[in-house]
Amino acid sequence: MLRVGYPVVIPAALFAGFPKEVELIPLSNKLDRDIDIDVWIPDPYPTRAQRIVPHLRGVKLVLSLMAGTEWIPGAMGPHVTICNARGAHNISTAECTLTLILSSLKYMPLYQQMQTAGEWKRRFEAPTHYAQVTGDAEPHYPPIMHEELTGKRVLLVGYGSIGKEIERMLVPFHVELTRVARAPRTSPEVHPVSELDALLPRAEIVILILPSTAESRHLINGARLALLKQGTLLVNAARGPVVDTDALVDALNAGRIRAALDVTDPEPLPDGHPLWKCPNLVITPHIGGSTPMFAPRSVKTAEEELRRYLAGEPLHNVVQAAI
């Protein structure tokens, strides 16, 4: 009987479809004794999951409920196979990314302030906002109250399963999409990261949706932010360290670009951090995957991976193969 440990905070009913050949072991994040399990499904919150790592014995396979698994290899060592939940969070993260883009282009923060203040006349701050952000000081009549996504030049940096879902959702907006990934591909065309510097100056929207690795740390740094045209919207739906926070703060305070972030570095973003007060910025607190479908989809992904494991079939979402 394969012993599978799972976080007690996730309803047991979601595991009802798991194979009968497994024994499900609910694990509290306050676990204070050693326990033998073969497969571990960690708590989605790393700080909680990490608390019980010292008490786990015999783990051969980790089935993460998250797309990102940055902390797990270091915690579990090289002799454990690790799989992520690739595909489980495509829809929720892609929808969040699209919402961040539209919120920025439609000036939702400004209009939320107007609603909170109960001052209709503040709508006339929008034309000034448009001119300051884009550098377009030409007179417009009627006054410009928001911008359009349709037809924008979008640079999609990262072309995994979530990147492809973002692309699918952008189709109705007829954007001009350019894809970037670690290595070039054809059909569809994907540019290598080595061409990023040449591609950034033309983009009107830059979407980051790539893994956090040593290579991607500060991929967007001060030099690359300087390549962006006036008013470019930078959207980080990946991981905070992909962007150099200090350089981003400088670029935002200089009024050169705008940004929408679901992730930050550091994270959580501390009270009083300068990023909170930057202009032309929308921040959400890393909520991209957190919809009512998070647990059902990710648990189902783990279930399907576990069935392959029991059948001796190749696993689909391996991010680390045991050595």
Protein backbone atom coordinates (compact mmCIF):
# COMPACT_ATOMS: atom_id res chain seq x y z
CA MET A 1 0.00 0.00 0.00
CA LEU A 2 1.45 3.35 -1.11
CA ARG A 3 1.31 5.92 1.67
CA VAL A 4 0.40 9.41 0.40
CA GLY A 5 0.61 12.38 2.74
CA TYR A 6 -1.55 15.39 1.97
CA PRO A 7 -2.30 18.70 3.74
CA VAL A 8 -5.12 18.31 6.23
CA VAL A 9 -6.36 21.81 5.31
CA ILE A 10 -7.53 20.50 1.92
CA PRO A 11 -10.94 18.75 2.14
CA ALA A 12 -10.59 14.97 2.13
CA ALA A 13 -13.50 14.75 -0.31
CA LEU A 14 -11.26 16.10 -3.08
CA PHE A 15 -9.12 12.96 -2.77
CA ALA A 16 -12.07 10.58 -3.19
CA GLY A 17 -10.99 9.69 -6.73
CA PHE A 18 -7.48 8.62 -5.73
CA PRO A 19 -6.53 5.02 -6.52
CA LYS A 20 -7.61 2.37 -3.99
CA GLU A 21 -4.00 1.16 -3.83
CA VAL A 22 -3.00 4.19 -1.75
CA GLU A 23 -3.42 5.05 1.90
CA LEU A 24 -4.13 8.75 2.36
CA ILE A 25 -2.40 10.31 5.37
CA PRO A 26 -3.63 13.79 6.41
CA LEU A 27 -0.72 15.92 7.61
CA SER A 28 -1.02 18.98 9.81
CA ASN A 29 1.44 21.83 9.38
CA LYS A 30 1.99 21.45 13.13
CA LEU A 31 3.25 17.90 12.73
CA ASP A 32 5.64 17.20 15.64
CA ARG A 33 6.59 13.56 15.07
CA ASP A 34 8.36 11.62 12.34
CA ILE A 35 6.15 9.87 9.80
CA ASP A 36 6.86 7.46 6.95
CA ILE A 37 5.20 8.24 3.61
CA ASP A 38 6.04 7.34 0.03
CA VAL A 39 4.43 10.32 -1.72
CA TRP A 40 4.04 13.84 -0.36
CA ILE A 41 1.55 16.45 -1.53
CA PRO A 42 2.80 19.63 0.17
CA ASP A 43 0.66 22.44 1.51
CA PRO A 44 0.41 25.11 -1.24
CA TYR A 45 1.87 27.68 1.18
CA PRO A 46 5.63 27.00 1.31
CA THR A 47 6.17 28.33 4.83
CA ARG A 48 3.62 25.85 6.17
CA ALA A 49 4.93 22.96 4.10
CA GLN A 50 8.53 23.58 5.09
CA ARG A 51 7.70 23.22 8.78
CA ILE A 52 7.05 19.50 8.47
CA VAL A 53 9.89 18.55 6.10
CA PRO A 54 12.20 17.50 8.98
CA HIS A 55 9.58 14.95 10.10
CA LEU A 56 9.05 13.25 6.73
CA ARG A 57 10.68 9.88 6.16
CA GLY A 58 10.86 7.71 3.06
CA VAL A 59 9.51 10.23 0.53
CA LYS A 60 10.21 9.12 -3.03
CA LEU A 61 7.82 11.40 -4.94
CA VAL A 62 6.57 14.94 -4.32
CA LEU A 63 3.42 16.04 -6.15
CA SER A 64 3.22 19.81 -5.77
CA LEU A 65 -0.12 21.55 -6.11
CA MET A 66 1.70 24.61 -7.46
CA ALA A 67 3.24 25.45 -10.81
CA GLY A 68 6.33 26.84 -9.10
CA THR A 69 8.46 24.44 -7.04
CA GLU A 70 11.50 26.63 -6.36
CA TRP A 71 11.97 25.68 -2.70
CA ILE A 72 11.24 21.94 -2.92
CA PRO A 73 14.49 20.55 -4.45
CA GLY A 74 16.60 22.20 -1.77
CA ALA A 75 14.32 20.94 0.99
CA MET A 76 13.94 17.36 -0.27
CA GLY A 77 17.33 16.70 -1.85
CA PRO A 78 18.28 15.13 -5.18
CA HIS A 79 17.01 11.60 -4.46
CA VAL A 80 13.33 12.55 -4.69
CA THR A 81 11.30 12.94 -7.88
CA ILE A 82 9.38 16.21 -7.91
CA CYS A 83 6.37 17.03 -10.11
CA ASN A 84 4.54 20.33 -10.34
CA ALA A 85 0.90 21.06 -11.11
CA ARG A 86 1.55 22.16 -14.68
CA GLY A 87 -1.73 23.06 -16.33
CA ALA A 88 -3.83 23.27 -13.17
CA HIS A 89 -3.58 27.05 -12.84
CA ASN A 90 -3.59 28.08 -16.48
CA ILE A 91 -7.08 29.57 -16.55
CA SER A 92 -6.96 31.41 -13.23
CA THR A 93 -3.51 32.91 -13.79
CA ALA A 94 -4.25 33.86 -17.39
CA GLU A 95 -7.51 35.54 -16.38
CA CYS A 96 -5.71 37.43 -13.60
CA THR A 97 -3.03 38.56 -16.06
CA LEU A 98 -5.65 39.82 -18.49
CA THR A 99 -7.43 41.63 -15.66
CA LEU A 100 -4.21 43.37 -14.60
CA ILE A 101 -3.68 44.54 -18.17
CA LEU A 102 -7.22 45.83 -18.60
CA SER A 103 -7.26 47.44 -15.13
CA SER A 104 -4.18 49.43 -16.04
CA LEU A 105 -5.31 50.42 -19.53
CA LYS A 106 -8.81 51.33 -18.33
CA TYR A 107 -7.46 53.41 -15.40
CA MET A 108 -9.39 51.41 -12.83
CA PRO A 109 -7.24 52.59 -9.88
CA LEU A 110 -8.13 56.20 -10.71
CA TYR A 111 -11.83 55.44 -11.05
CA GLN A 112 -11.80 53.42 -7.82
CA GLN A 113 -10.37 56.47 -6.07
CA MET A 114 -13.12 58.58 -7.65
CA GLN A 115 -15.78 56.16 -6.40
CA THR A 116 -14.31 56.05 -2.89
CA ALA A 117 -14.15 59.85 -2.75
CA GLY A 118 -17.60 60.22 -4.32
CA GLU A 119 -16.26 62.85 -6.73
CA TRP A 120 -17.52 62.42 -10.30
CA LYS A 121 -15.45 65.37 -11.49
CA ARG A 122 -12.26 63.40 -10.90
CA ARG A 123 -12.92 61.67 -14.20
CA PHE A 124 -11.24 64.67 -15.78
CA GLU A 125 -7.94 63.59 -14.22
CA ALA A 126 -7.89 60.79 -16.83
CA PRO A 127 -6.74 62.91 -19.80
CA THR A 128 -3.83 64.27 -17.74
CA HIS A 129 -3.00 60.75 -16.64
CA TYR A 130 -2.99 59.58 -20.25
CA ALA A 131 -0.67 62.40 -21.33
CA GLN A 132 1.75 61.83 -18.46
CA VAL A 133 1.90 58.06 -18.92
CA THR A 134 2.16 57.91 -22.71
CA GLY A 135 3.92 61.20 -23.41
CA ASP A 136 1.16 62.09 -25.89
CA ALA A 137 0.54 65.77 -25.14
CA GLU A 138 -1.55 66.41 -28.25
CA PRO A 139 -5.06 67.80 -27.59
CA HIS A 140 -7.82 65.19 -27.91
CA TYR A 141 -11.53 65.73 -28.13
CA PRO A 142 -13.49 64.17 -26.52
CA PRO A 143 -11.03 63.86 -23.65
CA ILE A 144 -9.30 60.45 -23.36
CA MET A 145 -10.69 58.52 -20.41
CA HIS A 146 -8.99 55.15 -20.96
CA GLU A 147 -7.03 53.14 -23.52
CA GLU A 148 -7.68 50.06 -25.65
CA LEU A 149 -5.98 46.70 -25.54
CA THR A 150 -7.06 45.82 -29.06
CA GLY A 151 -4.20 46.06 -31.53
CA LYS A 152 -1.46 46.58 -28.93
CA ARG A 153 2.02 45.13 -29.48
CA VAL A 154 2.45 42.50 -26.76
CA LEU A 155 5.72 40.79 -25.85
CA LEU A 156 5.01 37.50 -24.04
CA VAL A 157 8.11 36.41 -22.12
CA GLY A 158 7.60 32.76 -21.21
CA TYR A 159 5.73 30.29 -23.36
CA GLY A 160 4.79 27.40 -21.14
CA SER A 161 1.24 26.23 -20.51
CA ILE A 162 0.16 29.46 -18.75
CA GLY A 163 1.78 31.59 -21.45
CA LYS A 164 -0.17 29.67 -24.09
CA GLU A 165 -3.40 30.21 -22.15
CA ILE A 166 -2.70 33.95 -21.94
CA GLU A 167 -2.16 33.95 -25.68
CA ARG A 168 -5.50 32.18 -26.21
CA MET A 169 -7.31 34.78 -24.10
CA LEU A 170 -5.66 37.63 -25.99
CA VAL A 171 -6.89 36.37 -29.37
CA PRO A 172 -10.19 38.36 -29.34
CA PHE A 173 -8.20 41.57 -28.83
CA HIS A 174 -6.25 41.08 -32.06
CA VAL A 175 -2.98 42.03 -30.42
CA GLU A 176 0.31 41.77 -32.28
CA LEU A 177 1.94 39.06 -30.20
CA THR A 178 5.65 38.26 -30.03
CA ARG A 179 6.71 35.19 -28.03
CA VAL A 180 9.96 34.74 -26.10
CA ALA A 181 11.25 31.61 -24.35
CA ARG A 182 14.54 30.09 -23.27
CA ALA A 183 15.09 28.51 -26.68
CA PRO A 184 13.75 29.41 -30.14
CA ARG A 185 10.91 27.41 -31.69
CA THR A 186 8.92 27.40 -34.89
CA SER A 187 5.21 26.97 -35.59
CA PRO A 188 4.43 29.19 -33.78
CA GLU A 189 7.52 31.37 -33.85
CA VAL A 190 9.18 31.77 -30.47
CA HIS A 191 12.22 34.02 -30.09
CA PRO A 192 15.09 33.08 -27.74
CA VAL A 193 15.79 35.14 -24.63
CA SER A 194 19.02 36.23 -26.30
CA GLU A 195 16.91 38.47 -28.57
CA LEU A 196 15.07 40.16 -25.69
CA ASP A 197 17.01 43.42 -25.87
CA ALA A 198 16.10 43.83 -29.52
CA LEU A 199 12.41 43.09 -28.89
CA LEU A 200 11.73 45.21 -25.80
CA PRO A 201 11.85 48.68 -27.43
CA ARG A 202 8.94 47.92 -29.74
CA ALA A 203 6.59 46.46 -27.13
CA GLU A 204 3.64 48.35 -25.69
CA ILE A 205 2.88 45.59 -23.16
CA VAL A 206 5.44 43.15 -21.73
CA ILE A 207 4.04 40.08 -19.95
CA LEU A 208 6.37 38.01 -17.75
CA ILE A 209 5.22 34.42 -17.18
CA LEU A 210 8.41 32.41 -16.88
CA PRO A 211 9.82 30.23 -14.07
CA SER A 212 12.01 31.65 -11.34
CA THR A 213 15.50 30.25 -11.88
CA ALA A 214 19.06 31.45 -11.45
CA GLU A 215 19.01 32.44 -15.13
CA SER A 216 15.75 34.40 -14.90
CA ARG A 217 16.65 36.34 -11.75
CA HIS A 218 16.59 40.07 -12.59
CA LEU A 219 15.98 39.23 -16.24
CA ILE A 220 14.26 42.61 -16.28
CA ASN A 221 16.91 44.91 -14.82
CA GLY A 222 17.64 48.61 -15.04
CA ALA A 223 19.25 48.34 -18.47
CA ARG A 224 16.27 46.49 -19.91
CA LEU A 225 13.73 48.78 -18.28
CA ALA A 226 15.58 51.64 -20.00
CA LEU A 227 14.90 49.96 -23.35
CA LEU A 228 11.13 50.23 -22.90
CA LYS A 229 9.34 53.03 -24.70
CA GLN A 230 7.47 55.72 -22.78
CA GLY A 231 4.26 54.31 -21.28
CA THR A 232 5.02 50.62 -21.79
CA LEU A 233 3.06 48.41 -19.40
CA LEU A 234 5.15 45.75 -17.63
CA VAL A 235 3.06 42.88 -16.23
CA ASN A 236 4.72 40.41 -13.86
CA ALA A 237 2.61 37.28 -13.34
CA ALA A 238 5.69 35.07 -12.92
CA ARG A 239 7.78 35.47 -9.77
CA GLY A 240 9.01 38.63 -8.07
CA PRO A 241 12.77 38.08 -8.52
CA VAL A 242 12.38 38.05 -12.32
CA VAL A 243 12.32 41.87 -12.00
CA ASP A 244 14.92 44.00 -10.23
CA THR A 245 12.64 45.79 -7.74
CA ASP A 246 14.95 48.75 -7.09
CA ALA A 247 15.28 49.40 -10.82
CA LEU A 248 11.50 49.10 -11.24
CA VAL A 249 10.88 51.62 -8.45
CA ASP A 250 13.25 54.06 -10.16
CA ALA A 251 11.58 53.61 -13.56
CA LEU A 252 8.08 54.08 -12.13
CA ASN A 253 9.00 57.12 -10.08
CA ALA A 254 10.60 58.64 -13.16
CA GLY A 255 7.23 58.34 -14.92
CA ARG A 256 8.72 56.38 -17.82
CA ILE A 257 6.70 53.18 -17.64
CA ARG A 258 3.77 51.63 -15.83
CA ALA A 259 3.47 48.23 -14.24
CA ALA A 260 0.98 45.66 -12.97
CA LEU A 261 2.30 43.10 -10.51
CA ASP A 262 0.77 39.98 -8.99
CA VAL A 263 4.18 39.09 -7.54
CA THR A 264 6.88 41.16 -5.89
CA ASP A 265 10.39 40.86 -4.52
CA PRO A 266 10.43 40.79 -1.54
CA GLU A 267 7.21 38.89 -0.96
CA PRO A 268 5.15 39.54 1.04
CA LEU A 269 5.82 43.18 0.24
CA PRO A 270 6.62 44.82 3.61
CA ASP A 271 4.65 47.73 5.00
CA GLY A 272 6.26 50.98 3.96
CA HIS A 273 8.18 49.51 1.03
CA PRO A 274 8.74 52.18 -1.66
CA LEU A 275 6.95 50.07 -4.27
CA TRP A 276 3.63 50.69 -2.52
CA LYS A 277 3.76 54.40 -3.31
CA CYS A 278 4.98 54.21 -6.91
CA PRO A 279 2.82 55.93 -9.52
CA ASN A 280 1.22 54.10 -12.44
CA LEU A 281 1.29 50.78 -10.62
CA VAL A 282 -1.32 48.11 -9.89
CA ILE A 283 -0.42 45.50 -7.27
CA THR A 284 -2.32 42.37 -6.33
CA PRO A 285 -0.89 40.18 -3.52
CA HIS A 286 0.02 37.01 -5.47
CA ILE A 287 -3.56 35.89 -5.99
CA GLY A 288 -3.28 34.70 -9.61
CA GLY A 289 -4.06 31.04 -8.96
CA SER A 290 -6.33 31.43 -5.94
CA THR A 291 -9.83 30.81 -7.24
CA PRO A 292 -12.40 28.23 -6.03
CA MET A 293 -10.98 25.88 -8.68
CA PHE A 294 -7.43 25.92 -7.30
CA ALA A 295 -7.77 22.86 -5.09
CA PRO A 296 -10.03 20.73 -7.35
CA ARG A 297 -7.82 21.23 -10.42
CA SER A 298 -4.47 20.82 -8.69
CA VAL A 299 -5.58 17.75 -6.71
CA LYS A 300 -6.90 16.21 -9.92
CA THR A 301 -3.52 16.85 -11.56
CA ALA A 302 -1.79 15.11 -8.63
CA GLU A 303 -4.25 12.21 -8.89
CA GLU A 304 -3.52 11.67 -12.58
CA GLU A 305 0.22 11.82 -11.94
CA LEU A 306 -0.11 9.31 -9.10
CA ARG A 307 -2.00 6.87 -11.35
CA ARG A 308 0.85 7.04 -13.86
CA TYR A 309 3.33 6.45 -11.06
CA LEU A 310 1.48 3.34 -9.86
CA ALA A 311 1.23 2.01 -13.41
CA GLY A 312 4.95 2.50 -14.00
CA GLU A 313 4.22 5.01 -16.77
CA PRO A 314 6.29 8.16 -17.46
CA LEU A 315 5.25 11.12 -15.31
CA HIS A 316 4.14 14.24 -17.18
CA ASN A 317 5.17 17.12 -14.94
CA VAL A 318 8.63 16.17 -13.68
CA VAL A 319 10.75 19.15 -12.64
CA GLN A 320 13.34 17.01 -10.88
CA ALA A 321 14.04 13.35 -11.58
CA ALA A 322 15.48 11.40 -8.65
CA ILE A 323 19.12 10.36 -8.95
